[in-house]
Amino acid sequence: MCGIFLHWQSDVPEGVIRVHAPLLSKVSMAIQLNSQTTAKDILAKFHCENSHGSSEYIKIQNQRLYEIGGNIGQHCLDPDAYILDIYHANPQAEWVIKPQPSV
């Protein structure tokens, strides 16, 4: 599966998600969540770390954060969704940043 994977791991402290971005130049990043961290904040961190060229910029602009696992299957998160709340509700979820489906 193509995309960026955010995995819950027992070696990662509470409230931290590890982000893997195999399609971008920055391939791994730990994100410390707080009560105000939104999906668009996580995407912005990747934009900041990967904005070294126009192709990277285009890749980031077309990405969305998905919550995968639990009883929901796959859910595209609203950019304003508070990730810590979702993390507490589903700590074993897999978080995937992948291209937005074309309309």
PDB file of N, CA and C in Angstrom:
ATOM      1  N   MET A   1       0.844  -1.177   0.000  1.00  0.00           N
ATOM      2  CA  MET A   1       0.000   0.000   0.000  1.00  0.00           C
ATOM      3  C   MET A   1       0.884   1.233   0.000  1.00  0.00           C
ATOM      4  N   CYS A   2       0.563   2.169  -0.858  1.00  0.00           N
ATOM      5  CA  CYS A   2       1.316   3.420  -0.916  1.00  0.00           C
ATOM      6  C   CYS A   2       0.796   4.356   0.154  1.00  0.00           C
ATOM      7  N   GLY A   3       1.667   5.172   0.673  1.00  0.00           N
ATOM      8  CA  GLY A   3       1.241   6.154   1.653  1.00  0.00           C
ATOM      9  C   GLY A   3       2.249   6.325   2.753  1.00  0.00           C
ATOM     10  N   ILE A   4       1.846   7.040   3.746  1.00  0.00           N
ATOM     11  CA  ILE A   4       2.657   7.330   4.912  1.00  0.00           C
ATOM     12  C   ILE A   4       1.977   6.651   6.080  1.00  0.00           C
ATOM     13  N   PHE A   5       2.721   5.888   6.851  1.00  0.00           N
ATOM     14  CA  PHE A   5       2.116   5.120   7.909  1.00  0.00           C
ATOM     15  C   PHE A   5       2.470   5.689   9.272  1.00  0.00           C
ATOM     16  N   LEU A   6       1.459   5.834  10.118  1.00  0.00           N
ATOM     17  CA  LEU A   6       1.637   6.264  11.494  1.00  0.00           C
ATOM     18  C   LEU A   6       1.255   5.057  12.338  1.00  0.00           C
ATOM     19  N   HIS A   7       2.178   4.447  13.019  1.00  0.00           N
ATOM     20  CA  HIS A   7       1.913   3.226  13.753  1.00  0.00           C
ATOM     21  C   HIS A   7       1.936   3.481  15.252  1.00  0.00           C
ATOM     22  N   TRP A   8       0.984   2.865  15.967  1.00  0.00           N
ATOM     23  CA  TRP A   8       1.055   2.821  17.406  1.00  0.00           C
ATOM     24  C   TRP A   8       2.054   1.732  17.738  1.00  0.00           C
ATOM     25  N   GLN A   9       3.025   2.048  18.579  1.00  0.00           N
ATOM     26  CA  GLN A   9       4.039   1.070  18.952  1.00  0.00           C
ATOM     27  C   GLN A   9       4.264   1.168  20.451  1.00  0.00           C
ATOM     28  N   SER A  10       4.505   0.018  21.085  1.00  0.00           N
ATOM     29  CA  SER A  10       4.686   0.009  22.529  1.00  0.00           C
ATOM     30  C   SER A  10       5.947   0.745  22.967  1.00  0.00           C
ATOM     31  N   ASP A  11       6.926   0.911  22.074  1.00  0.00           N
ATOM     32  CA  ASP A  11       8.153   1.609  22.444  1.00  0.00           C
ATOM     33  C   ASP A  11       8.043   3.124  22.252  1.00  0.00           C
ATOM     34  N   VAL A  12       6.894   3.593  21.799  1.00  0.00           N
ATOM     35  CA  VAL A  12       6.675   5.023  21.604  1.00  0.00           C
ATOM     36  C   VAL A  12       5.920   5.547  22.821  1.00  0.00           C
ATOM     37  N   PRO A  13       6.372   6.652  23.415  1.00  0.00           N
ATOM     38  CA  PRO A  13       5.700   7.187  24.608  1.00  0.00           C
ATOM     39  C   PRO A  13       4.238   7.535  24.350  1.00  0.00           C
ATOM     40  N   GLU A  14       3.448   7.542  25.404  1.00  0.00           N
ATOM     41  CA  GLU A  14       2.040   7.924  25.331  1.00  0.00           C
ATOM     42  C   GLU A  14       1.906   9.296  24.681  1.00  0.00           C
ATOM     43  N   GLY A  15       0.987   9.419  23.752  1.00  0.00           N
ATOM     44  CA  GLY A  15       0.748  10.699  23.100  1.00  0.00           C
ATOM     45  C   GLY A  15       1.696  11.022  21.962  1.00  0.00           C
ATOM     46  N   VAL A  16       2.541  10.065  21.582  1.00  0.00           N
ATOM     47  CA  VAL A  16       3.463  10.260  20.458  1.00  0.00           C
ATOM     48  C   VAL A  16       3.117   9.231  19.387  1.00  0.00           C
ATOM     49  N   ILE A  17       3.019   9.693  18.157  1.00  0.00           N
ATOM     50  CA  ILE A  17       2.830   8.769  17.045  1.00  0.00           C
ATOM     51  C   ILE A  17       4.052   8.847  16.147  1.00  0.00           C
ATOM     52  N   ARG A  18       4.441   7.717  15.613  1.00  0.00           N
ATOM     53  CA  ARG A  18       5.582   7.666  14.703  1.00  0.00           C
ATOM     54  C   ARG A  18       5.043   7.660  13.282  1.00  0.00           C
ATOM     55  N   VAL A  19       5.552   8.564  12.492  1.00  0.00           N
ATOM     56  CA  VAL A  19       5.096   8.746  11.124  1.00  0.00           C
ATOM     57  C   VAL A  19       6.163   8.223  10.173  1.00  0.00           C
ATOM     58  N   HIS A  20       5.760   7.343   9.290  1.00  0.00           N
ATOM     59  CA  HIS A  20       6.659   6.847   8.248  1.00  0.00           C
ATOM     60  C   HIS A  20       6.151   7.379   6.918  1.00  0.00           C
ATOM     61  N   ALA A  21       7.046   7.984   6.159  1.00  0.00           N
ATOM     62  CA  ALA A  21       6.674   8.614   4.892  1.00  0.00           C
ATOM     63  C   ALA A  21       7.556   8.094   3.761  1.00  0.00           C
ATOM     64  N   PRO A  22       7.323   6.860   3.315  1.00  0.00           N
ATOM     65  CA  PRO A  22       8.209   6.268   2.315  1.00  0.00           C
ATOM     66  C   PRO A  22       8.205   6.968   0.962  1.00  0.00           C
ATOM     67  N   LEU A  23       7.165   7.724   0.647  1.00  0.00           N
ATOM     68  CA  LEU A  23       7.105   8.388  -0.655  1.00  0.00           C
ATOM     69  C   LEU A  23       7.692   9.793  -0.640  1.00  0.00           C
ATOM     70  N   LEU A  24       8.111  10.261   0.518  1.00  0.00           N
ATOM     71  CA  LEU A  24       8.661  11.610   0.645  1.00  0.00           C
ATOM     72  C   LEU A  24      10.123  11.536   1.053  1.00  0.00           C
ATOM     73  N   SER A  25      10.835  12.642   0.924  1.00  0.00           N
ATOM     74  CA  SER A  25      12.260  12.634   1.258  1.00  0.00           C
ATOM     75  C   SER A  25      12.494  12.490   2.762  1.00  0.00           C
ATOM     76  N   LYS A  26      11.619  13.017   3.593  1.00  0.00           N
ATOM     77  CA  LYS A  26      11.694  12.814   5.049  1.00  0.00           C
ATOM     78  C   LYS A  26      10.907  11.546   5.340  1.00  0.00           C
ATOM     79  N   VAL A  27      11.595  10.438   5.648  1.00  0.00           N
ATOM     80  CA  VAL A  27      10.924   9.147   5.701  1.00  0.00           C
ATOM     81  C   VAL A  27      10.379   8.746   7.064  1.00  0.00           C
ATOM     82  N   SER A  28      10.762   9.424   8.126  1.00  0.00           N
ATOM     83  CA  SER A  28      10.259   9.065   9.445  1.00  0.00           C
ATOM     84  C   SER A  28      10.245  10.285  10.347  1.00  0.00           C
ATOM     85  N   MET A  29       9.183  10.390  11.133  1.00  0.00           N
ATOM     86  CA  MET A  29       9.074  11.514  12.052  1.00  0.00           C
ATOM     87  C   MET A  29       8.179  11.107  13.221  1.00  0.00           C
ATOM     88  N   ALA A  30       8.616  11.414  14.437  1.00  0.00           N
ATOM     89  CA  ALA A  30       7.770  11.213  15.612  1.00  0.00           C
ATOM     90  C   ALA A  30       7.017  12.514  15.858  1.00  0.00           C
ATOM     91  N   ILE A  31       5.721  12.395  16.098  1.00  0.00           N
ATOM     92  CA  ILE A  31       4.879  13.562  16.330  1.00  0.00           C
ATOM     93  C   ILE A  31       4.345  13.493  17.750  1.00  0.00           C
ATOM     94  N   GLN A  32       4.661  14.500  18.562  1.00  0.00           N
ATOM     95  CA  GLN A  32       4.110  14.611  19.913  1.00  0.00           C
ATOM     96  C   GLN A  32       2.748  15.284  19.803  1.00  0.00           C
ATOM     97  N   LEU A  33       1.717  14.568  20.217  1.00  0.00           N
ATOM     98  CA  LEU A  33       0.373  15.119  20.167  1.00  0.00           C
ATOM     99  C   LEU A  33       0.081  15.927  21.420  1.00  0.00           C
ATOM    100  N   ASN A  34      -0.706  16.983  21.255  1.00  0.00           N
ATOM    101  CA  ASN A  34      -1.274  17.685  22.401  1.00  0.00           C
ATOM    102  C   ASN A  34      -2.750  17.893  22.108  1.00  0.00           C
ATOM    103  N   SER A  35      -3.469  18.501  23.016  1.00  0.00           N
ATOM    104  CA  SER A  35      -4.922  18.619  22.863  1.00  0.00           C
ATOM    105  C   SER A  35      -5.331  19.475  21.674  1.00  0.00           C
ATOM    106  N   GLN A  36      -4.402  20.244  21.119  1.00  0.00           N
ATOM    107  CA  GLN A  36      -4.719  21.125  19.993  1.00  0.00           C
ATOM    108  C   GLN A  36      -4.198  20.624  18.643  1.00  0.00           C
ATOM    109  N   THR A  37      -3.497  19.482  18.608  1.00  0.00           N
ATOM    110  CA  THR A  37      -2.940  18.968  17.355  1.00  0.00           C
ATOM    111  C   THR A  37      -4.058  18.489  16.436  1.00  0.00           C
ATOM    112  N   THR A  38      -4.088  19.038  15.226  1.00  0.00           N
ATOM    113  CA  THR A  38      -5.099  18.647  14.246  1.00  0.00           C
ATOM    114  C   THR A  38      -4.452  17.874  13.093  1.00  0.00           C
ATOM    115  N   ALA A  39      -5.302  17.285  12.271  1.00  0.00           N
ATOM    116  CA  ALA A  39      -4.813  16.569  11.090  1.00  0.00           C
ATOM    117  C   ALA A  39      -4.019  17.511  10.190  1.00  0.00           C
ATOM    118  N   LYS A  40      -4.498  18.739  10.029  1.00  0.00           N
ATOM    119  CA  LYS A  40      -3.765  19.670   9.156  1.00  0.00           C
ATOM    120  C   LYS A  40      -2.426  20.072   9.763  1.00  0.00           C
ATOM    121  N   ASP A  41      -2.284  20.045  11.097  1.00  0.00           N
ATOM    122  CA  ASP A  41      -0.985  20.309  11.726  1.00  0.00           C
ATOM    123  C   ASP A  41       0.030  19.233  11.343  1.00  0.00           C
ATOM    124  N   ILE A  42      -0.412  17.977  11.347  1.00  0.00           N
ATOM    125  CA  ILE A  42       0.482  16.874  10.983  1.00  0.00           C
ATOM    126  C   ILE A  42       0.884  16.992   9.520  1.00  0.00           C
ATOM    127  N   LEU A  43      -0.068  17.293   8.658  1.00  0.00           N
ATOM    128  CA  LEU A  43       0.250  17.490   7.241  1.00  0.00           C
ATOM    129  C   LEU A  43       1.196  18.670   7.060  1.00  0.00           C
ATOM    130  N   ALA A  44       1.008  19.737   7.843  1.00  0.00           N
ATOM    131  CA  ALA A  44       1.880  20.917   7.745  1.00  0.00           C
ATOM    132  C   ALA A  44       3.310  20.582   8.159  1.00  0.00           C
ATOM    133  N   LYS A  45       3.476  19.715   9.181  1.00  0.00           N
ATOM    134  CA  LYS A  45       4.829  19.308   9.594  1.00  0.00           C
ATOM    135  C   LYS A  45       5.529  18.586   8.449  1.00  0.00           C
ATOM    136  N   PHE A  46       4.788  17.715   7.768  1.00  0.00           N
ATOM    137  CA  PHE A  46       5.382  17.033   6.623  1.00  0.00           C
ATOM    138  C   PHE A  46       5.657  18.002   5.491  1.00  0.00           C
ATOM    139  N   HIS A  47       4.797  18.961   5.278  1.00  0.00           N
ATOM    140  CA  HIS A  47       5.024  19.967   4.239  1.00  0.00           C
ATOM    141  C   HIS A  47       6.309  20.729   4.531  1.00  0.00           C
ATOM    142  N   CYS A  48       6.494  21.143   5.774  1.00  0.00           N
ATOM    143  CA  CYS A  48       7.681  21.900   6.186  1.00  0.00           C
ATOM    144  C   CYS A  48       8.949  21.072   5.985  1.00  0.00           C
ATOM    145  N   GLU A  49       8.905  19.811   6.363  1.00  0.00           N
ATOM    146  CA  GLU A  49      10.078  18.939   6.275  1.00  0.00           C
ATOM    147  C   GLU A  49      10.376  18.474   4.853  1.00  0.00           C
ATOM    148  N   ASN A  50       9.388  18.529   3.967  1.00  0.00           N
ATOM    149  CA  ASN A  50       9.548  17.966   2.631  1.00  0.00           C
ATOM    150  C   ASN A  50       9.382  18.986   1.520  1.00  0.00           C
ATOM    151  N   SER A  51       9.472  20.259   1.819  1.00  0.00           N
ATOM    152  CA  SER A  51       9.227  21.285   0.798  1.00  0.00           C
ATOM    153  C   SER A  51      10.515  21.706   0.098  1.00  0.00           C
ATOM    154  N   HIS A  52      11.341  20.735  -0.243  1.00  0.00           N
ATOM    155  CA  HIS A  52      12.631  21.029  -0.873  1.00  0.00           C
ATOM    156  C   HIS A  52      12.542  21.145  -2.385  1.00  0.00           C
ATOM    157  N   GLY A  53      11.420  20.796  -2.956  1.00  0.00           N
ATOM    158  CA  GLY A  53      11.264  20.885  -4.407  1.00  0.00           C
ATOM    159  C   GLY A  53       9.801  20.914  -4.780  1.00  0.00           C
ATOM    160  N   SER A  54       9.507  21.324  -5.994  1.00  0.00           N
ATOM    161  CA  SER A  54       8.115  21.463  -6.412  1.00  0.00           C
ATOM    162  C   SER A  54       7.384  20.124  -6.435  1.00  0.00           C
ATOM    163  N   SER A  55       8.061  19.027  -6.778  1.00  0.00           N
ATOM    164  CA  SER A  55       7.379  17.734  -6.804  1.00  0.00           C
ATOM    165  C   SER A  55       6.990  17.296  -5.395  1.00  0.00           C
ATOM    166  N   GLU A  56       7.842  17.564  -4.401  1.00  0.00           N
ATOM    167  CA  GLU A  56       7.502  17.248  -3.012  1.00  0.00           C
ATOM    168  C   GLU A  56       6.325  18.100  -2.550  1.00  0.00           C
ATOM    169  N   TYR A  57       6.301  19.372  -2.939  1.00  0.00           N
ATOM    170  CA  TYR A  57       5.211  20.270  -2.569  1.00  0.00           C
ATOM    171  C   TYR A  57       3.884  19.741  -3.112  1.00  0.00           C
ATOM    172  N   ILE A  58       3.882  19.307  -4.355  1.00  0.00           N
ATOM    173  CA  ILE A  58       2.661  18.785  -4.969  1.00  0.00           C
ATOM    174  C   ILE A  58       2.212  17.514  -4.261  1.00  0.00           C
ATOM    175  N   LYS A  59       3.151  16.628  -3.920  1.00  0.00           N
ATOM    176  CA  LYS A  59       2.799  15.402  -3.200  1.00  0.00           C
ATOM    177  C   LYS A  59       2.100  15.725  -1.885  1.00  0.00           C
ATOM    178  N   ILE A  60       2.647  16.650  -1.110  1.00  0.00           N
ATOM    179  CA  ILE A  60       2.072  17.002   0.185  1.00  0.00           C
ATOM    180  C   ILE A  60       0.706  17.659   0.022  1.00  0.00           C
ATOM    181  N   GLN A  61       0.564  18.527  -0.961  1.00  0.00           N
ATOM    182  CA  GLN A  61      -0.700  19.242  -1.159  1.00  0.00           C
ATOM    183  C   GLN A  61      -1.863  18.298  -1.439  1.00  0.00           C
ATOM    184  N   ASN A  62      -1.591  17.141  -1.992  1.00  0.00           N
ATOM    185  CA  ASN A  62      -2.643  16.194  -2.353  1.00  0.00           C
ATOM    186  C   ASN A  62      -2.831  15.079  -1.330  1.00  0.00           C
ATOM    187  N   GLN A  63      -2.280  15.224  -0.120  1.00  0.00           N
ATOM    188  CA  GLN A  63      -2.353  14.183   0.896  1.00  0.00           C
ATOM    189  C   GLN A  63      -3.443  14.486   1.920  1.00  0.00           C
ATOM    190  N   ARG A  64      -4.006  13.423   2.487  1.00  0.00           N
ATOM    191  CA  ARG A  64      -4.976  13.528   3.569  1.00  0.00           C
ATOM    192  C   ARG A  64      -4.617  12.493   4.630  1.00  0.00           C
ATOM    193  N   LEU A  65      -5.005  12.751   5.870  1.00  0.00           N
ATOM    194  CA  LEU A  65      -4.746  11.835   6.979  1.00  0.00           C
ATOM    195  C   LEU A  65      -5.957  10.931   7.179  1.00  0.00           C
ATOM    196  N   TYR A  66      -5.689   9.628   7.252  1.00  0.00           N
ATOM    197  CA  TYR A  66      -6.729   8.622   7.461  1.00  0.00           C
ATOM    198  C   TYR A  66      -6.464   7.880   8.761  1.00  0.00           C
ATOM    199  N   GLU A  67      -7.529   7.526   9.459  1.00  0.00           N
ATOM    200  CA  GLU A  67      -7.478   6.629  10.613  1.00  0.00           C
ATOM    201  C   GLU A  67      -7.945   5.268  10.111  1.00  0.00           C
ATOM    202  N   ILE A  68      -7.128   4.248  10.347  1.00  0.00           N
ATOM    203  CA  ILE A  68      -7.457   2.909   9.875  1.00  0.00           C
ATOM    204  C   ILE A  68      -7.399   1.948  11.053  1.00  0.00           C
ATOM    205  N   GLY A  69      -8.438   1.126  11.178  1.00  0.00           N
ATOM    206  CA  GLY A  69      -8.473   0.124  12.227  1.00  0.00           C
ATOM    207  C   GLY A  69      -9.635   0.330  13.177  1.00  0.00           C
ATOM    208  N   GLY A  70      -9.765  -0.603  14.106  1.00  0.00           N
ATOM    209  CA  GLY A  70     -10.908  -0.557  15.009  1.00  0.00           C
ATOM    210  C   GLY A  70     -12.168  -0.948  14.254  1.00  0.00           C
ATOM    211  N   ASN A  71     -13.295  -0.395  14.667  1.00  0.00           N
ATOM    212  CA  ASN A  71     -14.558  -0.775  14.035  1.00  0.00           C
ATOM    213  C   ASN A  71     -14.935   0.111  12.857  1.00  0.00           C
ATOM    214  N   ILE A  72     -14.064   1.046  12.475  1.00  0.00           N
ATOM    215  CA  ILE A  72     -14.415   1.984  11.411  1.00  0.00           C
ATOM    216  C   ILE A  72     -13.865   1.597  10.050  1.00  0.00           C
ATOM    217  N   GLY A  73     -12.954   0.664  10.002  1.00  0.00           N
ATOM    218  CA  GLY A  73     -12.295   0.352   8.732  1.00  0.00           C
ATOM    219  C   GLY A  73     -11.316   1.455   8.389  1.00  0.00           C
ATOM    220  N   GLN A  74     -11.727   2.347   7.511  1.00  0.00           N
ATOM    221  CA  GLN A  74     -10.879   3.473   7.087  1.00  0.00           C
ATOM    222  C   GLN A  74     -11.719   4.738   7.093  1.00  0.00           C
ATOM    223  N   HIS A  75     -11.167   5.805   7.642  1.00  0.00           N
ATOM    224  CA  HIS A  75     -11.898   7.069   7.741  1.00  0.00           C
ATOM    225  C   HIS A  75     -10.972   8.225   7.397  1.00  0.00           C
ATOM    226  N   CYS A  76     -11.344   9.012   6.394  1.00  0.00           N
ATOM    227  CA  CYS A  76     -10.583  10.214   6.050  1.00  0.00           C
ATOM    228  C   CYS A  76     -10.922  11.282   7.082  1.00  0.00           C
ATOM    229  N   LEU A  77      -9.911  11.765   7.776  1.00  0.00           N
ATOM    230  CA  LEU A  77     -10.146  12.725   8.853  1.00  0.00           C
ATOM    231  C   LEU A  77     -10.301  14.140   8.327  1.00  0.00           C
ATOM    232  N   ASP A  78     -11.202  14.858   8.947  1.00  0.00           N
ATOM    233  CA  ASP A  78     -11.371  16.276   8.663  1.00  0.00           C
ATOM    234  C   ASP A  78     -10.066  16.977   9.026  1.00  0.00           C
ATOM    235  N   PRO A  79      -9.622  17.946   8.232  1.00  0.00           N
ATOM    236  CA  PRO A  79      -8.375  18.648   8.559  1.00  0.00           C
ATOM    237  C   PRO A  79      -8.373  19.278   9.951  1.00  0.00           C
ATOM    238  N   ASP A  80      -9.547  19.616  10.478  1.00  0.00           N
ATOM    239  CA  ASP A  80      -9.637  20.241  11.798  1.00  0.00           C
ATOM    240  C   ASP A  80      -9.863  19.240  12.929  1.00  0.00           C
ATOM    241  N   ALA A  81      -9.814  17.937  12.638  1.00  0.00           N
ATOM    242  CA  ALA A  81     -10.007  16.909  13.663  1.00  0.00           C
ATOM    243  C   ALA A  81      -8.854  16.945  14.664  1.00  0.00           C
ATOM    244  N   TYR A  82      -9.192  16.835  15.956  1.00  0.00           N
ATOM    245  CA  TYR A  82      -8.184  16.801  17.020  1.00  0.00           C
ATOM    246  C   TYR A  82      -7.663  15.374  17.162  1.00  0.00           C
ATOM    247  N   ILE A  83      -6.407  15.176  16.824  1.00  0.00           N
ATOM    248  CA  ILE A  83      -5.828  13.839  16.718  1.00  0.00           C
ATOM    249  C   ILE A  83      -5.654  13.164  18.077  1.00  0.00           C
ATOM    250  N   LEU A  84      -5.350  13.911  19.123  1.00  0.00           N
ATOM    251  CA  LEU A  84      -5.182  13.292  20.443  1.00  0.00           C
ATOM    252  C   LEU A  84      -6.487  12.647  20.909  1.00  0.00           C
ATOM    253  N   ASP A  85      -7.618  13.282  20.651  1.00  0.00           N
ATOM    254  CA  ASP A  85      -8.914  12.695  21.018  1.00  0.00           C
ATOM    255  C   ASP A  85      -9.138  11.382  20.272  1.00  0.00           C
ATOM    256  N   ILE A  86      -8.817  11.376  18.988  1.00  0.00           N
ATOM    257  CA  ILE A  86      -8.984  10.165  18.185  1.00  0.00           C
ATOM    258  C   ILE A  86      -8.001   9.094  18.643  1.00  0.00           C
ATOM    259  N   TYR A  87      -6.779   9.497  18.934  1.00  0.00           N
ATOM    260  CA  TYR A  87      -5.746   8.578  19.430  1.00  0.00           C
ATOM    261  C   TYR A  87      -6.204   7.899  20.724  1.00  0.00           C
ATOM    262  N   HIS A  88      -6.793   8.673  21.655  1.00  0.00           N
ATOM    263  CA  HIS A  88      -7.269   8.091  22.915  1.00  0.00           C
ATOM    264  C   HIS A  88      -8.430   7.125  22.682  1.00  0.00           C
ATOM    265  N   ALA A  89      -9.297   7.428  21.716  1.00  0.00           N
ATOM    266  CA  ALA A  89     -10.427   6.550  21.416  1.00  0.00           C
ATOM    267  C   ALA A  89      -9.980   5.276  20.698  1.00  0.00           C
ATOM    268  N   ASN A  90      -8.894   5.346  19.958  1.00  0.00           N
ATOM    269  CA  ASN A  90      -8.430   4.208  19.159  1.00  0.00           C
ATOM    270  C   ASN A  90      -6.895   4.178  19.140  1.00  0.00           C
ATOM    271  N   PRO A  91      -6.260   3.877  20.283  1.00  0.00           N
ATOM    272  CA  PRO A  91      -4.794   3.949  20.364  1.00  0.00           C
ATOM    273  C   PRO A  91      -4.072   2.940  19.479  1.00  0.00           C
ATOM    274  N   GLN A  92      -4.743   1.900  19.053  1.00  0.00           N
ATOM    275  CA  GLN A  92      -4.100   0.894  18.201  1.00  0.00           C
ATOM    276  C   GLN A  92      -4.314   1.175  16.718  1.00  0.00           C
ATOM    277  N   ALA A  93      -4.932   2.303  16.409  1.00  0.00           N
ATOM    278  CA  ALA A  93      -5.199   2.638  15.004  1.00  0.00           C
ATOM    279  C   ALA A  93      -3.902   2.810  14.233  1.00  0.00           C
ATOM    280  N   GLU A  94      -4.003   2.587  12.957  1.00  0.00           N
ATOM    281  CA  GLU A  94      -2.918   2.902  12.031  1.00  0.00           C
ATOM    282  C   GLU A  94      -3.308   4.218  11.383  1.00  0.00           C
ATOM    283  N   TRP A  95      -2.357   5.124  11.308  1.00  0.00           N
ATOM    284  CA  TRP A  95      -2.600   6.443  10.731  1.00  0.00           C
ATOM    285  C   TRP A  95      -1.869   6.501   9.405  1.00  0.00           C
ATOM    286  N   VAL A  96      -2.577   6.814   8.344  1.00  0.00           N
ATOM    287  CA  VAL A  96      -2.011   6.792   7.002  1.00  0.00           C
ATOM    288  C   VAL A  96      -2.253   8.134   6.330  1.00  0.00           C
ATOM    289  N   ILE A  97      -1.187   8.709   5.822  1.00  0.00           N
ATOM    290  CA  ILE A  97      -1.319   9.894   4.982  1.00  0.00           C
ATOM    291  C   ILE A  97      -1.166   9.397   3.557  1.00  0.00           C
ATOM    292  N   LYS A  98      -2.215   9.607   2.781  1.00  0.00           N
ATOM    293  CA  LYS A  98      -2.189   9.132   1.398  1.00  0.00           C
ATOM    294  C   LYS A  98      -2.901  10.125   0.504  1.00  0.00           C
ATOM    295  N   PRO A  99      -2.741   9.968  -0.801  1.00  0.00           N
ATOM    296  CA  PRO A  99      -3.340  10.935  -1.718  1.00  0.00           C
ATOM    297  C   PRO A  99      -4.852  11.021  -1.568  1.00  0.00           C
ATOM    298  N   GLN A 100      -5.341  12.232  -1.720  1.00  0.00           N
ATOM    299  CA  GLN A 100      -6.777  12.466  -1.690  1.00  0.00           C
ATOM    300  C   GLN A 100      -7.386  11.858  -2.948  1.00  0.00           C
ATOM    301  N   PRO A 101      -8.489  11.111  -2.797  1.00  0.00           N
ATOM    302  CA  PRO A 101      -9.113  10.549  -3.998  1.00  0.00           C
ATOM    303  C   PRO A 101      -9.616  11.661  -4.917  1.00  0.00           C
ATOM    304  N   SER A 102      -9.503  11.449  -6.210  1.00  0.00           N
ATOM    305  CA  SER A 102     -10.005  12.457  -7.143  1.00  0.00           C
ATOM    306  C   SER A 102     -11.529  12.391  -7.178  1.00  0.00           C
ATOM    307  N   VAL A 103     -12.124  13.547  -7.366  1.00  0.00           N
ATOM    308  CA  VAL A 103     -13.594  13.643  -7.322  1.00  0.00           C
ATOM    309  C   VAL A 103     -14.174  13.422  -8.690  1.00  0.00           C
TER     310      VAL A 103
END
